[in-house]
Amino acid sequence: MPHRTRPMTALLVFTGVNVILVSTITPVYDFVCFLPYWERRRERRRQERQADAITKAVSHDNASVTGTISDINVNWKSLEI
């Protein structure tokens, strides 16, 4: 005897699982997004960018020739994601 499908049961189970997932995503999202780690990382990166800007401004003021390799200062830390 072939297996009998139950589309209404499958639809109810599918809907129930989705309701549970949707109701639990908000607390998880808030927990991950508002961790103190992100605030510390944001502040550290802001300080690094500020220090790089000051260093670049000082090195640019001290350079006697424009267009040298010292003007092409690539800071790999600022390229991190």
C-alpha atoms as a PDB file:
ATOM      1  CA  MET A   1       0.000   0.000   0.000  1.00  0.00           C
ATOM      2  CA  PRO A   2       1.535   3.372  -0.983  1.00  0.00           C
ATOM      3  CA  HIS A   3       2.290   6.012   1.600  1.00  0.00           C
ATOM      4  CA  ARG A   4      -0.515   8.507   2.047  1.00  0.00           C
ATOM      5  CA  THR A   5       0.552  12.159   2.020  1.00  0.00           C
ATOM      6  CA  ARG A   6      -0.925  14.634   4.463  1.00  0.00           C
ATOM      7  CA  PRO A   7      -0.572  18.096   2.942  1.00  0.00           C
ATOM      8  CA  MET A   8      -2.504  19.893   5.668  1.00  0.00           C
ATOM      9  CA  THR A   9      -0.336  18.382   8.427  1.00  0.00           C
ATOM     10  CA  ALA A  10       2.818  19.256   6.511  1.00  0.00           C
ATOM     11  CA  LEU A  11       1.619  22.816   6.015  1.00  0.00           C
ATOM     12  CA  LEU A  12       0.798  23.214   9.707  1.00  0.00           C
ATOM     13  CA  VAL A  13       4.166  21.791  10.791  1.00  0.00           C
ATOM     14  CA  PHE A  14       5.995  24.041   8.309  1.00  0.00           C
ATOM     15  CA  THR A  15       4.083  27.118   9.512  1.00  0.00           C
ATOM     16  CA  GLY A  16       4.663  26.223  13.168  1.00  0.00           C
ATOM     17  CA  VAL A  17       8.408  25.815  12.669  1.00  0.00           C
ATOM     18  CA  ASN A  18       8.585  29.154  10.859  1.00  0.00           C
ATOM     19  CA  VAL A  19       6.647  30.908  13.646  1.00  0.00           C
ATOM     20  CA  ILE A  20       9.080  29.504  16.223  1.00  0.00           C
ATOM     21  CA  LEU A  21      12.113  30.585  14.169  1.00  0.00           C
ATOM     22  CA  VAL A  22      10.764  34.084  13.581  1.00  0.00           C
ATOM     23  CA  SER A  23       9.928  34.576  17.246  1.00  0.00           C
ATOM     24  CA  THR A  24      13.419  33.546  18.369  1.00  0.00           C
ATOM     25  CA  ILE A  25      15.450  35.560  15.860  1.00  0.00           C
ATOM     26  CA  THR A  26      14.926  38.960  17.531  1.00  0.00           C
ATOM     27  CA  PRO A  27      16.569  38.091  20.876  1.00  0.00           C
ATOM     28  CA  VAL A  28      19.448  36.376  19.093  1.00  0.00           C
ATOM     29  CA  TYR A  29      19.930  39.348  16.753  1.00  0.00           C
ATOM     30  CA  ASP A  30      19.884  41.791  19.685  1.00  0.00           C
ATOM     31  CA  PHE A  31      22.360  39.678  21.639  1.00  0.00           C
ATOM     32  CA  VAL A  32      24.838  39.482  18.763  1.00  0.00           C
ATOM     33  CA  CYS A  33      24.522  43.082  17.593  1.00  0.00           C
ATOM     34  CA  PHE A  34      24.731  44.743  20.991  1.00  0.00           C
ATOM     35  CA  LEU A  35      27.685  42.835  22.412  1.00  0.00           C
ATOM     36  CA  PRO A  36      30.279  45.125  24.044  1.00  0.00           C
ATOM     37  CA  TYR A  37      32.840  43.624  21.637  1.00  0.00           C
ATOM     38  CA  TRP A  38      31.469  45.655  18.718  1.00  0.00           C
ATOM     39  CA  GLU A  39      31.636  48.926  20.655  1.00  0.00           C
ATOM     40  CA  ARG A  40      35.234  48.250  21.683  1.00  0.00           C
ATOM     41  CA  ARG A  41      36.120  47.310  18.096  1.00  0.00           C
ATOM     42  CA  ARG A  42      34.449  50.435  16.709  1.00  0.00           C
ATOM     43  CA  GLU A  43      36.335  52.648  19.189  1.00  0.00           C
ATOM     44  CA  ARG A  44      39.661  50.912  18.511  1.00  0.00           C
ATOM     45  CA  ARG A  45      39.255  51.318  14.740  1.00  0.00           C
ATOM     46  CA  ARG A  46      38.300  54.999  15.177  1.00  0.00           C
ATOM     47  CA  GLN A  47      41.455  55.598  17.221  1.00  0.00           C
ATOM     48  CA  GLU A  48      43.588  53.749  14.638  1.00  0.00           C
ATOM     49  CA  ARG A  49      42.133  55.842  11.805  1.00  0.00           C
ATOM     50  CA  GLN A  50      42.714  59.027  13.781  1.00  0.00           C
ATOM     51  CA  ALA A  51      46.334  58.049  14.534  1.00  0.00           C
ATOM     52  CA  ASP A  52      46.896  57.161  10.866  1.00  0.00           C
ATOM     53  CA  ALA A  53      45.492  60.506   9.746  1.00  0.00           C
ATOM     54  CA  ILE A  54      47.788  62.370  12.146  1.00  0.00           C
ATOM     55  CA  THR A  55      50.798  60.305  11.052  1.00  0.00           C
ATOM     56  CA  LYS A  56      49.979  60.884   7.396  1.00  0.00           C
ATOM     57  CA  ALA A  57      49.555  64.633   7.948  1.00  0.00           C
ATOM     58  CA  VAL A  58      52.894  64.878   9.778  1.00  0.00           C
ATOM     59  CA  SER A  59      54.735  62.802   7.173  1.00  0.00           C
ATOM     60  CA  HIS A  60      53.142  64.862   4.386  1.00  0.00           C
ATOM     61  CA  ASP A  61      54.255  68.118   6.043  1.00  0.00           C
ATOM     62  CA  ASN A  62      57.810  66.815   6.411  1.00  0.00           C
ATOM     63  CA  ALA A  63      58.113  65.548   2.833  1.00  0.00           C
ATOM     64  CA  SER A  64      60.149  67.846   0.638  1.00  0.00           C
ATOM     65  CA  VAL A  65      59.221  66.137  -2.624  1.00  0.00           C
ATOM     66  CA  THR A  66      55.624  65.448  -3.528  1.00  0.00           C
ATOM     67  CA  GLY A  67      54.636  62.269  -5.295  1.00  0.00           C
ATOM     68  CA  THR A  68      57.229  60.046  -3.627  1.00  0.00           C
ATOM     69  CA  ILE A  69      56.666  56.535  -2.396  1.00  0.00           C
ATOM     70  CA  SER A  70      56.275  57.846   1.153  1.00  0.00           C
ATOM     71  CA  ASP A  71      53.056  59.563   0.019  1.00  0.00           C
ATOM     72  CA  ILE A  72      51.649  56.195  -1.063  1.00  0.00           C
ATOM     73  CA  ASN A  73      51.257  54.896   2.451  1.00  0.00           C
ATOM     74  CA  VAL A  74      48.953  51.887   2.433  1.00  0.00           C
ATOM     75  CA  ASN A  75      47.882  50.884   5.876  1.00  0.00           C
ATOM     76  CA  TRP A  76      46.706  47.275   5.700  1.00  0.00           C
ATOM     77  CA  LYS A  77      45.051  47.453   9.112  1.00  0.00           C
ATOM     78  CA  SER A  78      42.579  50.025   7.847  1.00  0.00           C
ATOM     79  CA  LEU A  79      41.590  47.626   5.048  1.00  0.00           C
ATOM     80  CA  GLU A  80      40.455  44.934   7.483  1.00  0.00           C
ATOM     81  CA  ILE A  81      36.797  44.151   7.560  1.00  0.00           C
END
